[in-house]
Amino acid sequence: MQHVIFILQLLIAAALGVALGWQRQHIGKAAGLRTFAFVTLGSCLFTILSLNAFGGDGGRVAAQIVTGIGFIGAGTIIHQGKSIEGLTTAAGLWSAAAIGMAVGAEWFIEASLATIVMLVLFFWDDDQPFSLRFLNRKMGKKSQSKAKKSAFVAMLAEWKEELMPSRTRRNRRLTKRRR
């Protein structure tokens, strides 16, 4: 029976990590599905080991999980000029480790609720309300692609005008030369 619970813990931790990682991968972030699954799975396994294999003090291993994930999260943060990239992903990895630890401690409901809250926060956009962002994603893909196409067409027309002037522009230059 103990092996069944162990396997169940690992599967739940991996599934919750996959859910978080899918969202990050879906929007094109470097730390995606496998990274989040490995973080939740690894922290779950370390928690199980700390509670069962090392006797009395499981807090030491848990503290080292937090430190180790902090190191991994620091690697995802990129500072470019005045902007910082990857801060949300780093915080997500840190929180995913906590979710894995909760599963390792057999707090399945708490870990699932935390995953749902994290998904809501991942989908949240600071620039517009959540419902607007959701509607824009569902309904606005066609209009966004049309806007991109029209911007591309305008750019091509501008390049064409610079490289091959229109007849009216060329005619104006010819009439200026004749005078």
N, C-alpha and C. Protein backbone atom coordinates (compact mmCIF):
# COMPACT_ATOMS: atom_id res chain seq x y z
N MET A 1 0.82 -1.20 0.00
CA MET A 1 0.00 0.00 0.00
C MET A 1 0.86 1.26 0.00
N GLN A 2 2.01 1.19 0.68
CA GLN A 2 2.88 2.35 0.76
C GLN A 2 3.45 2.71 -0.62
N HIS A 3 3.72 1.71 -1.44
CA HIS A 3 4.24 1.97 -2.79
C HIS A 3 3.20 2.63 -3.67
N VAL A 4 1.94 2.26 -3.47
CA VAL A 4 0.86 2.87 -4.26
C VAL A 4 0.76 4.36 -3.93
N ILE A 5 0.83 4.70 -2.66
CA ILE A 5 0.77 6.12 -2.26
C ILE A 5 1.97 6.87 -2.80
N PHE A 6 3.15 6.24 -2.75
CA PHE A 6 4.36 6.86 -3.28
C PHE A 6 4.22 7.17 -4.77
N ILE A 7 3.75 6.19 -5.54
CA ILE A 7 3.56 6.38 -6.98
C ILE A 7 2.49 7.45 -7.23
N LEU A 8 1.42 7.42 -6.46
CA LEU A 8 0.37 8.43 -6.58
C LEU A 8 0.91 9.83 -6.31
N GLN A 9 1.75 9.97 -5.30
CA GLN A 9 2.34 11.27 -4.99
C GLN A 9 3.19 11.77 -6.16
N LEU A 10 4.01 10.91 -6.71
CA LEU A 10 4.87 11.32 -7.83
C LEU A 10 4.04 11.71 -9.05
N LEU A 11 2.99 10.94 -9.33
CA LEU A 11 2.14 11.24 -10.49
C LEU A 11 1.38 12.56 -10.30
N ILE A 12 0.86 12.78 -9.10
CA ILE A 12 0.14 14.04 -8.85
C ILE A 12 1.10 15.22 -8.94
N ALA A 13 2.29 15.10 -8.36
CA ALA A 13 3.27 16.19 -8.42
C ALA A 13 3.63 16.50 -9.87
N ALA A 14 3.88 15.45 -10.66
CA ALA A 14 4.22 15.66 -12.06
C ALA A 14 3.07 16.30 -12.82
N ALA A 15 1.84 15.85 -12.57
CA ALA A 15 0.67 16.40 -13.27
C ALA A 15 0.47 17.88 -12.94
N LEU A 16 0.63 18.25 -11.69
CA LEU A 16 0.48 19.66 -11.32
C LEU A 16 1.59 20.50 -11.94
N GLY A 17 2.79 19.96 -11.99
CA GLY A 17 3.89 20.66 -12.65
C GLY A 17 3.67 20.83 -14.14
N VAL A 18 3.12 19.79 -14.77
CA VAL A 18 2.81 19.86 -16.20
C VAL A 18 1.77 20.94 -16.46
N ALA A 19 0.76 21.05 -15.60
CA ALA A 19 -0.27 22.08 -15.77
C ALA A 19 0.34 23.48 -15.71
N LEU A 20 1.22 23.70 -14.76
CA LEU A 20 1.87 25.01 -14.65
C LEU A 20 2.81 25.25 -15.84
N GLY A 21 3.58 24.24 -16.18
CA GLY A 21 4.54 24.38 -17.27
C GLY A 21 3.89 24.56 -18.62
N TRP A 22 2.72 23.94 -18.80
CA TRP A 22 2.01 24.10 -20.07
C TRP A 22 1.70 25.56 -20.32
N GLN A 23 1.24 26.25 -19.27
CA GLN A 23 0.90 27.66 -19.43
C GLN A 23 2.13 28.47 -19.82
N ARG A 24 3.26 28.22 -19.18
CA ARG A 24 4.47 28.98 -19.47
C ARG A 24 4.97 28.66 -20.87
N GLN A 25 4.91 27.40 -21.25
CA GLN A 25 5.36 27.00 -22.58
C GLN A 25 4.43 27.56 -23.65
N HIS A 26 3.14 27.61 -23.34
CA HIS A 26 2.13 28.11 -24.28
C HIS A 26 2.38 29.56 -24.66
N ILE A 27 2.91 30.35 -23.73
CA ILE A 27 3.18 31.76 -24.04
C ILE A 27 4.63 31.99 -24.43
N GLY A 28 5.39 30.91 -24.61
CA GLY A 28 6.73 31.03 -25.17
C GLY A 28 7.85 31.27 -24.18
N LYS A 29 7.68 30.89 -22.96
CA LYS A 29 8.74 31.06 -21.97
C LYS A 29 9.70 29.87 -22.03
N ALA A 30 10.96 30.11 -21.65
CA ALA A 30 11.98 29.06 -21.74
C ALA A 30 11.72 27.92 -20.76
N ALA A 31 11.34 28.25 -19.54
CA ALA A 31 11.03 27.21 -18.55
C ALA A 31 9.59 26.79 -18.80
N GLY A 32 9.43 25.61 -19.34
CA GLY A 32 8.09 25.18 -19.73
C GLY A 32 7.64 23.92 -19.04
N LEU A 33 6.97 23.09 -19.79
CA LEU A 33 6.30 21.91 -19.28
C LEU A 33 7.23 20.98 -18.50
N ARG A 34 8.33 20.57 -19.12
CA ARG A 34 9.23 19.63 -18.45
C ARG A 34 9.92 20.26 -17.25
N THR A 35 10.31 21.52 -17.35
CA THR A 35 11.00 22.17 -16.24
C THR A 35 10.12 22.21 -15.00
N PHE A 36 8.89 22.66 -15.16
CA PHE A 36 7.98 22.73 -14.01
C PHE A 36 7.65 21.33 -13.48
N ALA A 37 7.51 20.35 -14.38
CA ALA A 37 7.23 18.99 -13.93
C ALA A 37 8.42 18.44 -13.14
N PHE A 38 9.64 18.70 -13.59
CA PHE A 38 10.82 18.24 -12.86
C PHE A 38 10.93 18.91 -11.50
N VAL A 39 10.61 20.19 -11.43
CA VAL A 39 10.70 20.90 -10.15
C VAL A 39 9.69 20.34 -9.15
N THR A 40 8.43 20.16 -9.57
CA THR A 40 7.43 19.62 -8.64
C THR A 40 7.75 18.17 -8.28
N LEU A 41 8.17 17.39 -9.25
CA LEU A 41 8.50 15.99 -9.00
C LEU A 41 9.70 15.87 -8.06
N GLY A 42 10.75 16.62 -8.33
CA GLY A 42 11.94 16.56 -7.50
C GLY A 42 11.69 17.03 -6.08
N SER A 43 10.97 18.11 -5.93
CA SER A 43 10.70 18.60 -4.57
C SER A 43 9.76 17.64 -3.83
N CYS A 44 8.87 16.99 -4.53
CA CYS A 44 8.01 15.98 -3.91
C CYS A 44 8.85 14.81 -3.42
N LEU A 45 9.75 14.35 -4.26
CA LEU A 45 10.59 13.22 -3.89
C LEU A 45 11.51 13.57 -2.71
N PHE A 46 12.10 14.75 -2.73
CA PHE A 46 12.95 15.17 -1.61
C PHE A 46 12.14 15.26 -0.31
N THR A 47 10.91 15.73 -0.41
CA THR A 47 10.06 15.82 0.78
C THR A 47 9.72 14.44 1.32
N ILE A 48 9.38 13.52 0.43
CA ILE A 48 9.08 12.15 0.86
C ILE A 48 10.31 11.55 1.54
N LEU A 49 11.47 11.74 0.94
CA LEU A 49 12.70 11.21 1.54
C LEU A 49 12.98 11.84 2.90
N SER A 50 12.78 13.16 2.99
CA SER A 50 13.09 13.83 4.26
C SER A 50 12.14 13.38 5.37
N LEU A 51 10.90 13.08 5.02
CA LEU A 51 9.94 12.65 6.04
C LEU A 51 10.11 11.18 6.45
N ASN A 52 10.57 10.36 5.51
CA ASN A 52 10.62 8.92 5.77
C ASN A 52 12.02 8.36 5.96
N ALA A 53 12.99 8.87 5.26
CA ALA A 53 14.30 8.24 5.26
C ALA A 53 15.28 8.84 6.27
N PHE A 54 15.13 10.10 6.60
CA PHE A 54 16.13 10.75 7.44
C PHE A 54 15.70 10.92 8.89
N GLY A 55 14.65 10.27 9.28
CA GLY A 55 14.25 10.30 10.68
C GLY A 55 13.56 11.59 11.08
N GLY A 56 14.00 12.16 12.18
CA GLY A 56 13.28 13.22 12.85
C GLY A 56 13.17 14.56 12.17
N ASP A 57 14.25 15.09 11.61
CA ASP A 57 14.23 16.48 11.15
C ASP A 57 14.07 16.56 9.64
N GLY A 58 12.83 16.67 9.20
CA GLY A 58 12.57 16.82 7.77
C GLY A 58 12.69 18.25 7.29
N GLY A 59 12.77 19.19 8.22
CA GLY A 59 12.86 20.60 7.86
C GLY A 59 14.16 20.99 7.19
N ARG A 60 15.22 20.27 7.48
CA ARG A 60 16.51 20.60 6.86
C ARG A 60 16.47 20.39 5.35
N VAL A 61 15.91 19.26 4.93
CA VAL A 61 15.83 18.98 3.50
C VAL A 61 14.88 19.98 2.83
N ALA A 62 13.77 20.29 3.49
CA ALA A 62 12.83 21.26 2.93
C ALA A 62 13.49 22.63 2.75
N ALA A 63 14.30 23.03 3.71
CA ALA A 63 15.01 24.31 3.58
C ALA A 63 15.97 24.30 2.40
N GLN A 64 16.60 23.16 2.17
CA GLN A 64 17.54 23.06 1.04
C GLN A 64 16.81 23.05 -0.31
N ILE A 65 15.59 22.55 -0.32
CA ILE A 65 14.79 22.61 -1.55
C ILE A 65 14.55 24.07 -1.92
N VAL A 66 14.16 24.86 -0.95
CA VAL A 66 13.89 26.28 -1.19
C VAL A 66 15.15 26.98 -1.69
N THR A 67 16.28 26.69 -1.09
CA THR A 67 17.54 27.31 -1.51
C THR A 67 17.91 26.88 -2.93
N GLY A 68 17.81 25.59 -3.21
CA GLY A 68 18.16 25.09 -4.53
C GLY A 68 17.28 25.66 -5.64
N ILE A 69 16.00 25.76 -5.37
CA ILE A 69 15.09 26.32 -6.37
C ILE A 69 15.36 27.81 -6.55
N GLY A 70 15.77 28.48 -5.49
CA GLY A 70 16.17 29.88 -5.62
C GLY A 70 17.34 30.04 -6.58
N PHE A 71 18.26 29.10 -6.53
CA PHE A 71 19.40 29.12 -7.44
C PHE A 71 18.95 28.91 -8.89
N ILE A 72 18.07 27.94 -9.10
CA ILE A 72 17.54 27.69 -10.45
C ILE A 72 16.75 28.90 -10.95
N GLY A 73 15.93 29.46 -10.07
CA GLY A 73 15.14 30.64 -10.44
C GLY A 73 16.01 31.82 -10.82
N ALA A 74 17.13 31.98 -10.13
CA ALA A 74 18.04 33.09 -10.45
C ALA A 74 18.59 32.95 -11.86
N GLY A 75 18.74 31.71 -12.32
CA GLY A 75 19.22 31.48 -13.68
C GLY A 75 18.21 31.84 -14.75
N THR A 76 16.94 31.94 -14.39
CA THR A 76 15.91 32.27 -15.38
C THR A 76 15.70 33.77 -15.52
N ILE A 77 16.27 34.56 -14.61
CA ILE A 77 16.07 36.01 -14.64
C ILE A 77 17.15 36.65 -15.50
N ILE A 78 16.72 37.45 -16.47
CA ILE A 78 17.64 38.11 -17.38
C ILE A 78 17.41 39.62 -17.26
N HIS A 79 18.48 40.36 -17.06
CA HIS A 79 18.40 41.82 -16.97
C HIS A 79 18.92 42.41 -18.28
N GLN A 80 18.05 43.11 -19.00
CA GLN A 80 18.43 43.72 -20.27
C GLN A 80 18.09 45.20 -20.21
N GLY A 81 19.09 46.04 -20.11
CA GLY A 81 18.85 47.48 -20.04
C GLY A 81 18.02 47.83 -18.83
N LYS A 82 16.86 48.43 -19.08
CA LYS A 82 15.98 48.81 -17.98
C LYS A 82 14.89 47.78 -17.71
N SER A 83 14.86 46.70 -18.46
CA SER A 83 13.80 45.69 -18.27
C SER A 83 14.38 44.41 -17.67
N ILE A 84 13.52 43.70 -16.96
CA ILE A 84 13.89 42.43 -16.34
C ILE A 84 12.96 41.37 -16.89
N GLU A 85 13.53 40.31 -17.45
CA GLU A 85 12.76 39.20 -18.01
C GLU A 85 12.90 37.98 -17.10
N GLY A 86 11.85 37.20 -16.97
CA GLY A 86 11.91 35.93 -16.29
C GLY A 86 11.60 35.95 -14.81
N LEU A 87 11.24 37.08 -14.28
CA LEU A 87 10.97 37.17 -12.84
C LEU A 87 9.73 36.35 -12.46
N THR A 88 8.69 36.42 -13.28
CA THR A 88 7.47 35.65 -13.02
C THR A 88 7.75 34.16 -13.14
N THR A 89 8.54 33.76 -14.12
CA THR A 89 8.88 32.35 -14.27
C THR A 89 9.69 31.86 -13.08
N ALA A 90 10.63 32.67 -12.60
CA ALA A 90 11.42 32.29 -11.43
C ALA A 90 10.53 32.13 -10.20
N ALA A 91 9.62 33.07 -10.01
CA ALA A 91 8.70 32.96 -8.87
C ALA A 91 7.78 31.75 -9.04
N GLY A 92 7.41 31.45 -10.28
CA GLY A 92 6.59 30.28 -10.55
C GLY A 92 7.32 28.99 -10.23
N LEU A 93 8.61 28.91 -10.57
CA LEU A 93 9.40 27.73 -10.24
C LEU A 93 9.52 27.56 -8.73
N TRP A 94 9.71 28.65 -8.04
CA TRP A 94 9.81 28.62 -6.59
C TRP A 94 8.50 28.12 -5.98
N SER A 95 7.38 28.63 -6.48
CA SER A 95 6.07 28.20 -5.99
C SER A 95 5.77 26.76 -6.39
N ALA A 96 6.24 26.35 -7.57
CA ALA A 96 6.04 24.97 -8.00
C ALA A 96 6.77 24.00 -7.07
N ALA A 97 7.92 24.41 -6.58
CA ALA A 97 8.63 23.58 -5.61
C ALA A 97 7.80 23.42 -4.34
N ALA A 98 7.15 24.49 -3.92
CA ALA A 98 6.30 24.41 -2.72
C ALA A 98 5.12 23.46 -2.97
N ILE A 99 4.58 23.49 -4.19
CA ILE A 99 3.48 22.58 -4.53
C ILE A 99 3.97 21.13 -4.48
N GLY A 100 5.15 20.88 -5.01
CA GLY A 100 5.73 19.54 -4.95
C GLY A 100 5.95 19.09 -3.51
N MET A 101 6.38 20.01 -2.66
CA MET A 101 6.58 19.69 -1.25
C MET A 101 5.24 19.36 -0.58
N ALA A 102 4.20 20.09 -0.94
CA ALA A 102 2.87 19.82 -0.37
C ALA A 102 2.38 18.43 -0.77
N VAL A 103 2.62 18.06 -2.03
CA VAL A 103 2.22 16.72 -2.48
C VAL A 103 3.05 15.67 -1.74
N GLY A 104 4.33 15.94 -1.54
CA GLY A 104 5.18 15.01 -0.81
C GLY A 104 4.74 14.82 0.63
N ALA A 105 4.13 15.85 1.20
CA ALA A 105 3.61 15.77 2.57
C ALA A 105 2.17 15.24 2.60
N GLU A 106 1.69 14.81 1.44
CA GLU A 106 0.33 14.26 1.25
C GLU A 106 -0.76 15.31 1.46
N TRP A 107 -0.48 16.54 1.12
CA TRP A 107 -1.47 17.62 1.14
C TRP A 107 -1.97 17.81 -0.29
N PHE A 108 -2.71 16.85 -0.79
CA PHE A 108 -3.12 16.84 -2.19
C PHE A 108 -4.08 17.98 -2.52
N ILE A 109 -5.07 18.20 -1.68
CA ILE A 109 -6.06 19.25 -1.95
C ILE A 109 -5.41 20.63 -1.91
N GLU A 110 -4.55 20.85 -0.93
CA GLU A 110 -3.87 22.14 -0.81
C GLU A 110 -2.97 22.40 -2.02
N ALA A 111 -2.28 21.38 -2.47
CA ALA A 111 -1.42 21.53 -3.64
C ALA A 111 -2.24 21.81 -4.89
N SER A 112 -3.38 21.15 -5.02
CA SER A 112 -4.24 21.39 -6.19
C SER A 112 -4.81 22.80 -6.19
N LEU A 113 -5.24 23.27 -5.02
CA LEU A 113 -5.76 24.64 -4.92
C LEU A 113 -4.67 25.66 -5.21
N ALA A 114 -3.47 25.42 -4.72
CA ALA A 114 -2.35 26.34 -4.99
C ALA A 114 -2.03 26.38 -6.49
N THR A 115 -2.14 25.23 -7.15
CA THR A 115 -1.90 25.18 -8.60
C THR A 115 -2.94 26.00 -9.34
N ILE A 116 -4.18 25.90 -8.93
CA ILE A 116 -5.25 26.68 -9.57
C ILE A 116 -5.00 28.18 -9.38
N VAL A 117 -4.64 28.57 -8.17
CA VAL A 117 -4.34 29.99 -7.91
C VAL A 117 -3.16 30.44 -8.76
N MET A 118 -2.13 29.61 -8.87
CA MET A 118 -0.98 29.98 -9.70
C MET A 118 -1.36 30.12 -11.17
N LEU A 119 -2.21 29.23 -11.66
CA LEU A 119 -2.63 29.35 -13.06
C LEU A 119 -3.39 30.64 -13.30
N VAL A 120 -4.27 31.00 -12.37
CA VAL A 120 -4.99 32.28 -12.50
C VAL A 120 -3.99 33.44 -12.52
N LEU A 121 -3.00 33.40 -11.64
CA LEU A 121 -2.01 34.48 -11.61
C LEU A 121 -1.14 34.49 -12.86
N PHE A 122 -0.81 33.32 -13.39
CA PHE A 122 -0.03 33.27 -14.62
C PHE A 122 -0.80 33.88 -15.79
N PHE A 123 -2.10 33.65 -15.84
CA PHE A 123 -2.90 34.19 -16.93
C PHE A 123 -3.23 35.66 -16.73
N TRP A 124 -3.04 36.17 -15.54
CA TRP A 124 -3.35 37.57 -15.23
C TRP A 124 -2.38 38.48 -15.97
N ASP A 125 -2.90 39.56 -16.52
CA ASP A 125 -2.07 40.54 -17.21
C ASP A 125 -2.18 41.85 -16.46
N ASP A 126 -1.06 42.49 -16.17
CA ASP A 126 -1.08 43.73 -15.42
C ASP A 126 -1.69 44.89 -16.22
N ASP A 127 -1.64 44.79 -17.54
CA ASP A 127 -2.10 45.89 -18.37
C ASP A 127 -3.61 45.91 -18.59
N GLN A 128 -4.27 44.77 -18.50
CA GLN A 128 -5.71 44.72 -18.73
C GLN A 128 -6.34 43.67 -17.82
N PRO A 129 -7.61 43.83 -17.51
CA PRO A 129 -8.28 42.87 -16.64
C PRO A 129 -8.26 41.46 -17.23
N PHE A 130 -8.38 40.48 -16.35
CA PHE A 130 -8.31 39.07 -16.74
C PHE A 130 -9.36 38.72 -17.78
N SER A 131 -10.59 39.18 -17.57
CA SER A 131 -11.66 38.82 -18.51
C SER A 131 -11.41 39.42 -19.89
N LEU A 132 -10.89 40.65 -19.94
CA LEU A 132 -10.57 41.26 -21.23
C LEU A 132 -9.48 40.49 -21.94
N ARG A 133 -8.45 40.08 -21.21
CA ARG A 133 -7.35 39.34 -21.82
C ARG A 133 -7.86 38.02 -22.38
N PHE A 134 -8.73 37.34 -21.63
CA PHE A 134 -9.29 36.07 -22.09
C PHE A 134 -10.10 36.27 -23.36
N LEU A 135 -10.94 37.31 -23.38
CA LEU A 135 -11.75 37.59 -24.56
C LEU A 135 -10.88 37.96 -25.75
N ASN A 136 -9.84 38.74 -25.52
CA ASN A 136 -8.94 39.10 -26.61
C ASN A 136 -8.26 37.88 -27.19
N ARG A 137 -7.91 36.93 -26.34
CA ARG A 137 -7.28 35.72 -26.85
C ARG A 137 -8.27 34.89 -27.65
N LYS A 138 -9.51 34.80 -27.18
CA LYS A 138 -10.49 33.97 -27.87
C LYS A 138 -10.96 34.61 -29.17
N MET A 139 -11.25 35.91 -29.12
CA MET A 139 -11.88 36.57 -30.26
C MET A 139 -10.90 37.37 -31.10
N GLY A 140 -9.80 37.78 -30.52
CA GLY A 140 -8.94 38.74 -31.20
C GLY A 140 -7.84 38.15 -32.04
N LYS A 141 -7.71 36.85 -32.12
CA LYS A 141 -6.60 36.27 -32.89
C LYS A 141 -6.70 36.64 -34.36
N LYS A 142 -7.92 36.62 -34.90
CA LYS A 142 -8.07 36.96 -36.31
C LYS A 142 -7.75 38.42 -36.55
N SER A 143 -8.24 39.29 -35.68
CA SER A 143 -7.97 40.72 -35.87
C SER A 143 -6.51 41.03 -35.64
N GLN A 144 -5.85 40.31 -34.72
CA GLN A 144 -4.44 40.53 -34.49
C GLN A 144 -3.63 40.11 -35.71
N SER A 145 -3.99 38.98 -36.31
CA SER A 145 -3.26 38.53 -37.48
C SER A 145 -3.50 39.48 -38.65
N LYS A 146 -4.72 40.03 -38.77
CA LYS A 146 -4.98 41.01 -39.82
C LYS A 146 -4.17 42.27 -39.60
N ALA A 147 -4.06 42.71 -38.35
CA ALA A 147 -3.28 43.90 -38.05
C ALA A 147 -1.80 43.66 -38.36
N LYS A 148 -1.30 42.48 -38.04
CA LYS A 148 0.09 42.16 -38.35
C LYS A 148 0.31 42.14 -39.86
N LYS A 149 -0.66 41.54 -40.59
CA LYS A 149 -0.53 41.49 -42.04
C LYS A 149 -0.57 42.89 -42.64
N SER A 150 -1.48 43.74 -42.16
CA SER A 150 -1.56 45.08 -42.72
C SER A 150 -0.32 45.89 -42.39
N ALA A 151 0.26 45.71 -41.20
CA ALA A 151 1.49 46.40 -40.86
C ALA A 151 2.63 45.91 -41.75
N PHE A 152 2.65 44.60 -42.02
CA PHE A 152 3.67 44.05 -42.90
C PHE A 152 3.52 44.58 -44.33
N VAL A 153 2.28 44.62 -44.80
CA VAL A 153 2.02 45.14 -46.15
C VAL A 153 2.42 46.61 -46.24
N ALA A 154 2.12 47.39 -45.21
CA ALA A 154 2.51 48.81 -45.20
C ALA A 154 4.02 48.96 -45.22
N MET A 155 4.72 48.11 -44.48
CA MET A 155 6.17 48.16 -44.46
C MET A 155 6.74 47.81 -45.84
N LEU A 156 6.16 46.79 -46.48
CA LEU A 156 6.61 46.43 -47.83
C LEU A 156 6.37 47.56 -48.82
N ALA A 157 5.21 48.22 -48.71
CA ALA A 157 4.91 49.33 -49.60
C ALA A 157 5.91 50.48 -49.40
N GLU A 158 6.27 50.72 -48.16
CA GLU A 158 7.23 51.77 -47.86
C GLU A 158 8.60 51.44 -48.45
N TRP A 159 9.03 50.18 -48.30
CA TRP A 159 10.31 49.76 -48.88
C TRP A 159 10.27 49.86 -50.40
N LYS A 160 9.14 49.46 -51.00
CA LYS A 160 9.01 49.52 -52.45
C LYS A 160 9.12 50.97 -52.93
N GLU A 161 8.50 51.86 -52.19
CA GLU A 161 8.53 53.27 -52.56
C GLU A 161 9.95 53.82 -52.49
N GLU A 162 10.71 53.37 -51.49
CA GLU A 162 12.09 53.84 -51.37
C GLU A 162 12.98 53.25 -52.44
N LEU A 163 12.79 51.98 -52.74
CA LEU A 163 13.65 51.31 -53.71
C LEU A 163 13.24 51.60 -55.14
N MET A 164 11.95 51.64 -55.39
CA MET A 164 11.44 51.89 -56.74
C MET A 164 10.40 53.00 -56.67
N PRO A 165 10.82 54.23 -56.84
CA PRO A 165 9.88 55.35 -56.71
C PRO A 165 8.72 55.21 -57.70
N SER A 166 7.58 55.70 -57.28
CA SER A 166 6.41 55.62 -58.16
C SER A 166 6.59 56.54 -59.35
N ARG A 167 5.77 56.37 -60.34
CA ARG A 167 5.90 57.15 -61.58
C ARG A 167 5.69 58.63 -61.32
N THR A 168 4.74 58.94 -60.45
CA THR A 168 4.50 60.37 -60.21
C THR A 168 5.72 61.02 -59.56
N ARG A 169 6.35 60.33 -58.65
CA ARG A 169 7.55 60.87 -58.02
C ARG A 169 8.69 60.98 -59.04
N ARG A 170 8.82 59.96 -59.87
CA ARG A 170 9.86 59.97 -60.89
C ARG A 170 9.57 61.08 -61.90
N ASN A 171 8.31 61.25 -62.28
CA ASN A 171 7.95 62.30 -63.23
C ASN A 171 8.27 63.68 -62.67
N ARG A 172 8.03 63.88 -61.37
CA ARG A 172 8.36 65.17 -60.75
C ARG A 172 9.85 65.44 -60.83
N ARG A 173 10.66 64.39 -60.59
CA ARG A 173 12.11 64.58 -60.68
C ARG A 173 12.53 64.90 -62.10
N LEU A 174 11.90 64.25 -63.08
CA LEU A 174 12.25 64.50 -64.48
C LEU A 174 11.87 65.93 -64.89
N THR A 175 10.72 66.40 -64.44
CA THR A 175 10.34 67.76 -64.80
C THR A 175 11.22 68.79 -64.13
N LYS A 176 11.71 68.50 -62.93
CA LYS A 176 12.64 69.42 -62.27
C LYS A 176 13.94 69.48 -63.01
N ARG A 177 14.40 68.36 -63.54
CA ARG A 177 15.66 68.33 -64.29
C ARG A 177 15.53 69.10 -65.59
N ARG A 178 14.40 69.05 -66.23
CA ARG A 178 14.21 69.72 -67.53
C ARG A 178 14.21 71.23 -67.38
N ARG A 179 13.82 71.74 -66.24
CA ARG A 179 13.75 73.19 -66.07
C ARG A 179 15.07 73.76 -65.88
